[in-house]
Amino acid sequence: MLLVSSCLLGQNVKYSGGSNYCQLLAKYDDSGLLLPVCPECLGQLLVPRPPAEIEGGTGRDVLAGAARVYSKDGSDLTANFISGAEAVLKLAQQAGVKYAILKARSPSCGAGKVYNGSFDGTLINGDGVTTALLKQYGITVYTELDLTAELLEKLLGNEG
């Protein structure tokens, strides 16, 4: 199984109520090899909702209690993001997932780069909350920006 952000498969779970449809991934949607998840929905956040960013660090810092996740309207969503990440980890472990393709720059799913919490488009090095937790448990995380047909074939081939 390959863990995939639900929004990349066209599910309208993005904060704005839309999706981040990825045609390359969607070709495999009916294969039975993809496990779609939305950490923010699993964390009981509504769709649509105000955008959120990590303030004071990265997902790793959130998990350590050193940073918080806030919506643009100032609501503290840290507990929602952590519970969503924990729910995704549980699903991934139950399915024996080793790899994930998650939404780039998301405060949940971002891998390598996330927004800095100022809501001005500034990116910093680091991971979202879910990605940070998955990595702590040995799951390799890619984003749709890393995705090529060759990488996808390799990951799916390695999965079964």
N, C-alpha and C. Protein backbone atom coordinates (compact mmCIF):
# COMPACT_ATOMS: atom_id res chain seq x y z
N MET A 1 0.83 -1.19 0.00
CA MET A 1 0.00 0.00 0.00
C MET A 1 0.87 1.25 0.00
N LEU A 2 0.37 2.25 -0.68
CA LEU A 2 1.04 3.56 -0.75
C LEU A 2 0.09 4.59 -0.15
N LEU A 3 0.51 5.24 0.91
CA LEU A 3 -0.29 6.28 1.56
C LEU A 3 -0.29 7.51 0.68
N VAL A 4 -1.47 8.11 0.44
CA VAL A 4 -1.59 9.25 -0.47
C VAL A 4 -2.54 10.28 0.13
N SER A 5 -2.18 11.55 0.02
CA SER A 5 -3.10 12.62 0.43
C SER A 5 -4.36 12.54 -0.41
N SER A 6 -5.51 12.51 0.25
CA SER A 6 -6.80 12.40 -0.44
C SER A 6 -7.00 13.51 -1.46
N CYS A 7 -6.52 14.71 -1.16
CA CYS A 7 -6.71 15.83 -2.07
C CYS A 7 -6.01 15.61 -3.40
N LEU A 8 -4.91 14.83 -3.38
CA LEU A 8 -4.19 14.56 -4.63
C LEU A 8 -4.96 13.62 -5.55
N LEU A 9 -5.92 12.91 -4.96
CA LEU A 9 -6.76 12.00 -5.74
C LEU A 9 -8.08 12.65 -6.14
N GLY A 10 -8.16 13.96 -5.94
CA GLY A 10 -9.33 14.70 -6.38
C GLY A 10 -10.43 14.84 -5.34
N GLN A 11 -10.20 14.33 -4.13
CA GLN A 11 -11.21 14.50 -3.08
C GLN A 11 -11.20 15.95 -2.60
N ASN A 12 -12.36 16.53 -2.44
CA ASN A 12 -12.48 17.94 -2.08
C ASN A 12 -12.35 18.14 -0.58
N VAL A 13 -11.13 17.93 -0.07
CA VAL A 13 -10.84 18.05 1.36
C VAL A 13 -9.86 19.18 1.66
N LYS A 14 -9.39 19.86 0.63
CA LYS A 14 -8.48 21.00 0.81
C LYS A 14 -9.17 22.07 1.66
N TYR A 15 -8.40 22.86 2.38
CA TYR A 15 -8.99 23.86 3.27
C TYR A 15 -10.02 24.73 2.56
N SER A 16 -9.82 25.00 1.28
CA SER A 16 -10.72 25.86 0.51
C SER A 16 -11.97 25.14 0.02
N GLY A 17 -12.00 23.82 0.21
CA GLY A 17 -13.11 23.02 -0.27
C GLY A 17 -12.83 22.35 -1.61
N GLY A 18 -11.68 22.63 -2.19
CA GLY A 18 -11.29 22.03 -3.46
C GLY A 18 -10.36 20.85 -3.26
N SER A 19 -9.66 20.52 -4.33
CA SER A 19 -8.68 19.42 -4.27
C SER A 19 -7.38 19.89 -4.90
N ASN A 20 -6.40 19.02 -4.87
CA ASN A 20 -5.10 19.25 -5.52
C ASN A 20 -4.84 18.09 -6.47
N TYR A 21 -5.82 17.83 -7.33
CA TYR A 21 -5.84 16.66 -8.21
C TYR A 21 -4.50 16.46 -8.93
N CYS A 22 -4.01 15.24 -8.84
CA CYS A 22 -2.76 14.86 -9.48
C CYS A 22 -3.08 13.73 -10.46
N GLN A 23 -3.04 14.05 -11.74
CA GLN A 23 -3.44 13.10 -12.77
C GLN A 23 -2.61 11.81 -12.73
N LEU A 24 -1.32 11.94 -12.47
CA LEU A 24 -0.45 10.77 -12.44
C LEU A 24 -0.88 9.79 -11.34
N LEU A 25 -1.17 10.31 -10.16
CA LEU A 25 -1.63 9.44 -9.07
C LEU A 25 -3.02 8.88 -9.34
N ALA A 26 -3.88 9.71 -9.88
CA ALA A 26 -5.27 9.31 -10.10
C ALA A 26 -5.38 8.10 -11.03
N LYS A 27 -4.40 7.90 -11.89
CA LYS A 27 -4.41 6.73 -12.77
C LYS A 27 -4.41 5.43 -11.98
N TYR A 28 -3.92 5.49 -10.73
CA TYR A 28 -3.82 4.29 -9.90
C TYR A 28 -4.90 4.24 -8.83
N ASP A 29 -5.83 5.18 -8.87
CA ASP A 29 -6.84 5.29 -7.81
C ASP A 29 -7.64 4.01 -7.63
N ASP A 30 -7.92 3.30 -8.70
CA ASP A 30 -8.72 2.08 -8.62
C ASP A 30 -7.88 0.81 -8.52
N SER A 31 -6.58 0.97 -8.30
CA SER A 31 -5.69 -0.18 -8.28
C SER A 31 -5.78 -0.99 -6.99
N GLY A 32 -6.31 -0.37 -5.94
CA GLY A 32 -6.32 -1.04 -4.64
C GLY A 32 -5.01 -0.92 -3.91
N LEU A 33 -4.05 -0.19 -4.50
CA LEU A 33 -2.73 -0.04 -3.89
C LEU A 33 -2.55 1.29 -3.17
N LEU A 34 -3.52 2.19 -3.28
CA LEU A 34 -3.42 3.51 -2.67
C LEU A 34 -4.32 3.59 -1.44
N LEU A 35 -3.80 4.16 -0.37
CA LEU A 35 -4.55 4.38 0.86
C LEU A 35 -4.71 5.90 1.02
N PRO A 36 -5.86 6.45 0.61
CA PRO A 36 -6.05 7.90 0.69
C PRO A 36 -6.37 8.34 2.12
N VAL A 37 -5.72 9.43 2.55
CA VAL A 37 -5.94 9.99 3.88
C VAL A 37 -5.92 11.51 3.82
N CYS A 38 -6.66 12.13 4.72
CA CYS A 38 -6.56 13.56 4.94
C CYS A 38 -6.39 13.76 6.44
N PRO A 39 -5.16 14.07 6.88
CA PRO A 39 -4.92 14.23 8.31
C PRO A 39 -5.78 15.32 8.95
N GLU A 40 -6.05 16.37 8.21
CA GLU A 40 -6.82 17.47 8.78
C GLU A 40 -8.28 17.06 8.98
N CYS A 41 -8.83 16.31 8.05
CA CYS A 41 -10.19 15.79 8.24
C CYS A 41 -10.22 14.77 9.38
N LEU A 42 -9.21 13.90 9.43
CA LEU A 42 -9.12 12.93 10.52
C LEU A 42 -8.94 13.62 11.87
N GLY A 43 -8.42 14.84 11.85
CA GLY A 43 -8.27 15.65 13.06
C GLY A 43 -9.51 16.48 13.36
N GLN A 44 -10.62 16.15 12.70
CA GLN A 44 -11.93 16.77 12.95
C GLN A 44 -12.04 18.22 12.48
N LEU A 45 -11.22 18.62 11.50
CA LEU A 45 -11.37 19.95 10.93
C LEU A 45 -12.37 19.90 9.78
N LEU A 46 -13.14 20.95 9.64
CA LEU A 46 -14.20 21.02 8.64
C LEU A 46 -13.66 21.43 7.27
N VAL A 47 -14.45 21.16 6.26
CA VAL A 47 -14.17 21.60 4.90
C VAL A 47 -15.37 22.42 4.45
N PRO A 48 -15.18 23.64 3.99
CA PRO A 48 -13.93 24.41 3.99
C PRO A 48 -13.59 24.91 5.39
N ARG A 49 -12.37 25.42 5.51
CA ARG A 49 -11.87 25.95 6.77
C ARG A 49 -10.82 27.02 6.44
N PRO A 50 -10.52 27.91 7.37
CA PRO A 50 -9.47 28.89 7.10
C PRO A 50 -8.12 28.17 6.91
N PRO A 51 -7.24 28.73 6.10
CA PRO A 51 -5.92 28.12 5.96
C PRO A 51 -5.18 28.13 7.29
N ALA A 52 -4.25 27.19 7.43
CA ALA A 52 -3.47 27.06 8.66
C ALA A 52 -1.99 26.97 8.32
N GLU A 53 -1.17 27.43 9.25
CA GLU A 53 0.28 27.32 9.12
C GLU A 53 0.89 27.04 10.48
N ILE A 54 2.09 26.50 10.46
CA ILE A 54 2.83 26.23 11.70
C ILE A 54 3.56 27.50 12.09
N GLU A 55 3.37 27.91 13.34
CA GLU A 55 4.04 29.10 13.85
C GLU A 55 5.10 28.68 14.86
N GLY A 56 6.32 29.17 14.66
CA GLY A 56 7.39 28.90 15.61
C GLY A 56 8.21 27.67 15.31
N GLY A 57 8.11 27.14 14.10
CA GLY A 57 8.92 25.98 13.75
C GLY A 57 8.30 25.12 12.68
N THR A 58 8.50 23.83 12.81
CA THR A 58 8.04 22.86 11.82
C THR A 58 7.19 21.79 12.51
N GLY A 59 6.75 20.82 11.74
CA GLY A 59 5.96 19.73 12.29
C GLY A 59 6.68 18.99 13.40
N ARG A 60 7.95 18.82 13.24
CA ARG A 60 8.74 18.16 14.29
C ARG A 60 8.66 18.95 15.60
N ASP A 61 8.73 20.28 15.48
CA ASP A 61 8.63 21.14 16.66
C ASP A 61 7.23 21.08 17.28
N VAL A 62 6.20 20.98 16.44
CA VAL A 62 4.83 20.84 16.95
C VAL A 62 4.73 19.56 17.79
N LEU A 63 5.25 18.47 17.26
CA LEU A 63 5.20 17.19 17.98
C LEU A 63 5.96 17.24 19.30
N ALA A 64 7.01 18.08 19.35
CA ALA A 64 7.81 18.23 20.56
C ALA A 64 7.23 19.26 21.52
N GLY A 65 6.13 19.91 21.12
CA GLY A 65 5.51 20.92 21.97
C GLY A 65 6.15 22.29 21.89
N ALA A 66 7.03 22.50 20.91
CA ALA A 66 7.77 23.76 20.80
C ALA A 66 7.22 24.72 19.76
N ALA A 67 6.20 24.30 19.00
CA ALA A 67 5.57 25.15 17.99
C ALA A 67 4.09 24.82 17.98
N ARG A 68 3.28 25.69 17.37
CA ARG A 68 1.83 25.52 17.33
C ARG A 68 1.33 25.68 15.90
N VAL A 69 0.15 25.16 15.63
CA VAL A 69 -0.51 25.34 14.35
C VAL A 69 -1.70 26.28 14.56
N TYR A 70 -1.72 27.37 13.79
CA TYR A 70 -2.80 28.35 13.89
C TYR A 70 -3.47 28.53 12.54
N SER A 71 -4.77 28.76 12.60
CA SER A 71 -5.48 29.14 11.37
C SER A 71 -5.25 30.62 11.14
N LYS A 72 -5.55 31.06 9.93
CA LYS A 72 -5.35 32.46 9.59
C LYS A 72 -6.20 33.38 10.47
N ASP A 73 -7.32 32.86 10.99
CA ASP A 73 -8.16 33.67 11.87
C ASP A 73 -7.72 33.61 13.34
N GLY A 74 -6.59 32.94 13.61
CA GLY A 74 -6.01 32.93 14.95
C GLY A 74 -6.39 31.76 15.83
N SER A 75 -7.18 30.82 15.34
CA SER A 75 -7.55 29.65 16.14
C SER A 75 -6.38 28.70 16.27
N ASP A 76 -6.16 28.18 17.47
CA ASP A 76 -5.10 27.21 17.71
C ASP A 76 -5.62 25.82 17.32
N LEU A 77 -5.02 25.26 16.27
CA LEU A 77 -5.46 23.97 15.73
C LEU A 77 -4.46 22.86 16.03
N THR A 78 -3.52 23.13 16.92
CA THR A 78 -2.44 22.18 17.20
C THR A 78 -2.97 20.80 17.55
N ALA A 79 -3.93 20.73 18.45
CA ALA A 79 -4.46 19.42 18.88
C ALA A 79 -5.09 18.67 17.71
N ASN A 80 -5.79 19.41 16.82
CA ASN A 80 -6.40 18.78 15.65
C ASN A 80 -5.33 18.19 14.73
N PHE A 81 -4.26 18.94 14.52
CA PHE A 81 -3.20 18.48 13.62
C PHE A 81 -2.47 17.27 14.21
N ILE A 82 -2.25 17.27 15.51
CA ILE A 82 -1.58 16.12 16.14
C ILE A 82 -2.49 14.90 16.12
N SER A 83 -3.76 15.05 16.45
CA SER A 83 -4.65 13.88 16.44
C SER A 83 -4.83 13.34 15.03
N GLY A 84 -4.88 14.22 14.03
CA GLY A 84 -4.96 13.77 12.64
C GLY A 84 -3.72 12.99 12.23
N ALA A 85 -2.56 13.49 12.62
CA ALA A 85 -1.29 12.81 12.31
C ALA A 85 -1.26 11.43 12.96
N GLU A 86 -1.71 11.35 14.21
CA GLU A 86 -1.72 10.06 14.90
C GLU A 86 -2.68 9.07 14.25
N ALA A 87 -3.81 9.57 13.76
CA ALA A 87 -4.77 8.71 13.07
C ALA A 87 -4.18 8.18 11.76
N VAL A 88 -3.48 9.04 11.03
CA VAL A 88 -2.83 8.61 9.78
C VAL A 88 -1.76 7.57 10.08
N LEU A 89 -0.95 7.81 11.10
CA LEU A 89 0.09 6.84 11.46
C LEU A 89 -0.53 5.48 11.78
N LYS A 90 -1.61 5.48 12.52
CA LYS A 90 -2.26 4.21 12.88
C LYS A 90 -2.73 3.47 11.63
N LEU A 91 -3.38 4.19 10.71
CA LEU A 91 -3.83 3.57 9.45
C LEU A 91 -2.64 3.03 8.65
N ALA A 92 -1.58 3.82 8.59
CA ALA A 92 -0.38 3.41 7.84
C ALA A 92 0.22 2.15 8.44
N GLN A 93 0.32 2.11 9.75
CA GLN A 93 0.89 0.93 10.41
C GLN A 93 0.02 -0.29 10.20
N GLN A 94 -1.29 -0.12 10.27
CA GLN A 94 -2.21 -1.25 10.07
C GLN A 94 -2.09 -1.81 8.66
N ALA A 95 -1.81 -0.93 7.69
CA ALA A 95 -1.72 -1.36 6.29
C ALA A 95 -0.30 -1.75 5.88
N GLY A 96 0.66 -1.62 6.78
CA GLY A 96 2.04 -1.96 6.46
C GLY A 96 2.70 -1.00 5.48
N VAL A 97 2.28 0.24 5.52
CA VAL A 97 2.80 1.25 4.58
C VAL A 97 4.27 1.57 4.87
N LYS A 98 5.06 1.67 3.80
CA LYS A 98 6.46 2.08 3.91
C LYS A 98 6.72 3.41 3.22
N TYR A 99 5.81 3.81 2.30
CA TYR A 99 5.99 5.02 1.51
C TYR A 99 4.70 5.82 1.47
N ALA A 100 4.87 7.14 1.36
CA ALA A 100 3.72 8.03 1.25
C ALA A 100 4.00 9.10 0.21
N ILE A 101 2.95 9.53 -0.46
CA ILE A 101 3.02 10.70 -1.35
C ILE A 101 1.97 11.67 -0.81
N LEU A 102 2.47 12.77 -0.24
CA LEU A 102 1.60 13.71 0.44
C LEU A 102 1.72 15.10 -0.18
N LYS A 103 0.81 15.98 0.18
CA LYS A 103 0.70 17.31 -0.43
C LYS A 103 1.84 18.23 0.01
N ALA A 104 2.56 18.72 -0.96
CA ALA A 104 3.69 19.62 -0.71
C ALA A 104 3.25 20.88 0.03
N ARG A 105 4.08 21.34 0.92
CA ARG A 105 3.98 22.61 1.63
C ARG A 105 2.84 22.68 2.65
N SER A 106 2.04 21.64 2.76
CA SER A 106 0.93 21.61 3.71
C SER A 106 1.45 21.57 5.14
N PRO A 107 0.73 22.22 6.09
CA PRO A 107 1.16 22.14 7.49
C PRO A 107 1.00 20.73 8.07
N SER A 108 0.23 19.89 7.42
CA SER A 108 0.13 18.48 7.81
C SER A 108 1.09 17.63 7.00
N CYS A 109 1.01 17.75 5.68
CA CYS A 109 1.62 16.80 4.77
C CYS A 109 2.93 17.24 4.12
N GLY A 110 3.28 18.48 4.24
CA GLY A 110 4.48 18.99 3.57
C GLY A 110 5.72 18.19 3.93
N ALA A 111 6.59 17.98 2.95
CA ALA A 111 7.85 17.28 3.17
C ALA A 111 8.98 18.12 2.59
N GLY A 112 9.87 18.56 3.45
CA GLY A 112 11.01 19.36 3.01
C GLY A 112 10.82 20.85 3.11
N LYS A 113 9.61 21.31 2.87
CA LYS A 113 9.28 22.75 2.93
C LYS A 113 7.87 22.92 3.47
N VAL A 114 7.70 23.89 4.36
CA VAL A 114 6.38 24.28 4.87
C VAL A 114 6.35 25.80 5.00
N TYR A 115 5.16 26.35 5.05
CA TYR A 115 5.02 27.79 5.24
C TYR A 115 5.39 28.15 6.68
N ASN A 116 5.89 29.38 6.87
CA ASN A 116 6.50 29.79 8.14
C ASN A 116 5.55 30.32 9.20
N GLY A 117 4.26 30.36 8.93
CA GLY A 117 3.32 30.81 9.94
C GLY A 117 2.92 32.26 9.82
N SER A 118 3.46 32.97 8.84
CA SER A 118 3.14 34.40 8.68
C SER A 118 2.05 34.64 7.64
N PHE A 119 1.64 33.58 6.95
CA PHE A 119 0.60 33.65 5.91
C PHE A 119 0.97 34.64 4.80
N ASP A 120 2.28 34.74 4.52
CA ASP A 120 2.73 35.62 3.45
C ASP A 120 3.43 34.85 2.33
N GLY A 121 3.31 33.53 2.35
CA GLY A 121 3.89 32.70 1.30
C GLY A 121 5.34 32.32 1.52
N THR A 122 5.92 32.68 2.67
CA THR A 122 7.32 32.36 2.94
C THR A 122 7.46 30.90 3.36
N LEU A 123 8.36 30.19 2.68
CA LEU A 123 8.63 28.79 2.98
C LEU A 123 9.89 28.65 3.82
N ILE A 124 9.89 27.65 4.70
CA ILE A 124 11.08 27.30 5.47
C ILE A 124 11.34 25.81 5.29
N ASN A 125 12.57 25.39 5.59
CA ASN A 125 12.90 23.98 5.52
C ASN A 125 12.25 23.25 6.69
N GLY A 126 11.63 22.13 6.38
CA GLY A 126 11.00 21.32 7.42
C GLY A 126 9.81 20.58 6.88
N ASP A 127 9.18 19.81 7.75
CA ASP A 127 8.06 18.96 7.38
C ASP A 127 6.80 19.39 8.12
N GLY A 128 5.65 19.00 7.57
CA GLY A 128 4.38 19.17 8.25
C GLY A 128 4.27 18.18 9.41
N VAL A 129 3.22 18.32 10.18
CA VAL A 129 3.05 17.53 11.40
C VAL A 129 2.92 16.04 11.08
N THR A 130 2.08 15.68 10.14
CA THR A 130 1.89 14.27 9.79
C THR A 130 3.16 13.68 9.20
N THR A 131 3.78 14.41 8.29
CA THR A 131 5.03 13.92 7.69
C THR A 131 6.09 13.70 8.74
N ALA A 132 6.24 14.63 9.67
CA ALA A 132 7.23 14.48 10.74
C ALA A 132 6.97 13.22 11.55
N LEU A 133 5.71 12.95 11.87
CA LEU A 133 5.38 11.76 12.66
C LEU A 133 5.63 10.49 11.86
N LEU A 134 5.22 10.48 10.59
CA LEU A 134 5.46 9.30 9.76
C LEU A 134 6.95 9.00 9.65
N LYS A 135 7.74 10.04 9.45
CA LYS A 135 9.19 9.85 9.34
C LYS A 135 9.79 9.29 10.63
N GLN A 136 9.26 9.73 11.78
CA GLN A 136 9.74 9.20 13.06
C GLN A 136 9.54 7.69 13.14
N TYR A 137 8.56 7.19 12.41
CA TYR A 137 8.25 5.76 12.43
C TYR A 137 8.73 5.04 11.17
N GLY A 138 9.67 5.65 10.46
CA GLY A 138 10.35 4.97 9.36
C GLY A 138 9.63 4.96 8.03
N ILE A 139 8.60 5.77 7.88
CA ILE A 139 7.89 5.84 6.61
C ILE A 139 8.51 6.95 5.76
N THR A 140 8.89 6.62 4.55
CA THR A 140 9.49 7.59 3.63
C THR A 140 8.39 8.40 2.97
N VAL A 141 8.53 9.72 3.00
CA VAL A 141 7.49 10.60 2.48
C VAL A 141 8.01 11.40 1.29
N TYR A 142 7.24 11.37 0.23
CA TYR A 142 7.48 12.18 -0.96
C TYR A 142 6.30 13.14 -1.10
N THR A 143 6.44 14.15 -1.95
CA THR A 143 5.30 14.98 -2.30
C THR A 143 5.03 14.83 -3.78
N GLU A 144 3.91 15.41 -4.22
CA GLU A 144 3.57 15.36 -5.64
C GLU A 144 4.62 16.07 -6.48
N LEU A 145 5.42 16.96 -5.87
CA LEU A 145 6.47 17.65 -6.61
C LEU A 145 7.63 16.72 -6.94
N ASP A 146 7.78 15.65 -6.17
CA ASP A 146 8.82 14.65 -6.40
C ASP A 146 8.39 13.60 -7.42
N LEU A 147 7.11 13.55 -7.68
CA LEU A 147 6.51 12.43 -8.38
C LEU A 147 6.84 12.40 -9.86
N THR A 148 7.28 11.25 -10.29
CA THR A 148 7.44 10.92 -11.72
C THR A 148 6.79 9.56 -11.92
N ALA A 149 6.52 9.25 -13.15
CA ALA A 149 5.95 7.93 -13.45
C ALA A 149 6.90 6.83 -12.98
N GLU A 150 8.19 7.06 -13.15
CA GLU A 150 9.19 6.07 -12.74
C GLU A 150 9.19 5.86 -11.24
N LEU A 151 9.14 6.95 -10.47
CA LEU A 151 9.12 6.83 -9.02
C LEU A 151 7.85 6.11 -8.56
N LEU A 152 6.73 6.47 -9.13
CA LEU A 152 5.47 5.85 -8.75
C LEU A 152 5.49 4.35 -9.04
N GLU A 153 5.97 3.98 -10.21
CA GLU A 153 6.08 2.55 -10.55
C GLU A 153 6.99 1.83 -9.57
N LYS A 154 8.11 2.47 -9.21
CA LYS A 154 9.04 1.87 -8.28
C LYS A 154 8.37 1.67 -6.91
N LEU A 155 7.69 2.71 -6.40
CA LEU A 155 7.05 2.60 -5.09
C LEU A 155 5.96 1.56 -5.09
N LEU A 156 5.15 1.53 -6.12
CA LEU A 156 4.08 0.54 -6.21
C LEU A 156 4.64 -0.86 -6.43
N GLY A 157 5.72 -0.95 -7.18
CA GLY A 157 6.37 -2.24 -7.40
C GLY A 157 6.97 -2.78 -6.10
N ASN A 158 7.56 -1.87 -5.30
CA ASN A 158 8.12 -2.28 -4.01
C ASN A 158 7.04 -2.68 -3.02
N GLU A 159 5.82 -2.19 -3.25
CA GLU A 159 4.74 -2.48 -2.32
C GLU A 159 4.04 -3.80 -2.61
N GLY A 160 4.26 -4.36 -3.77
CA GLY A 160 3.57 -5.61 -3.94
C GLY A 160 3.37 -6.01 -5.34
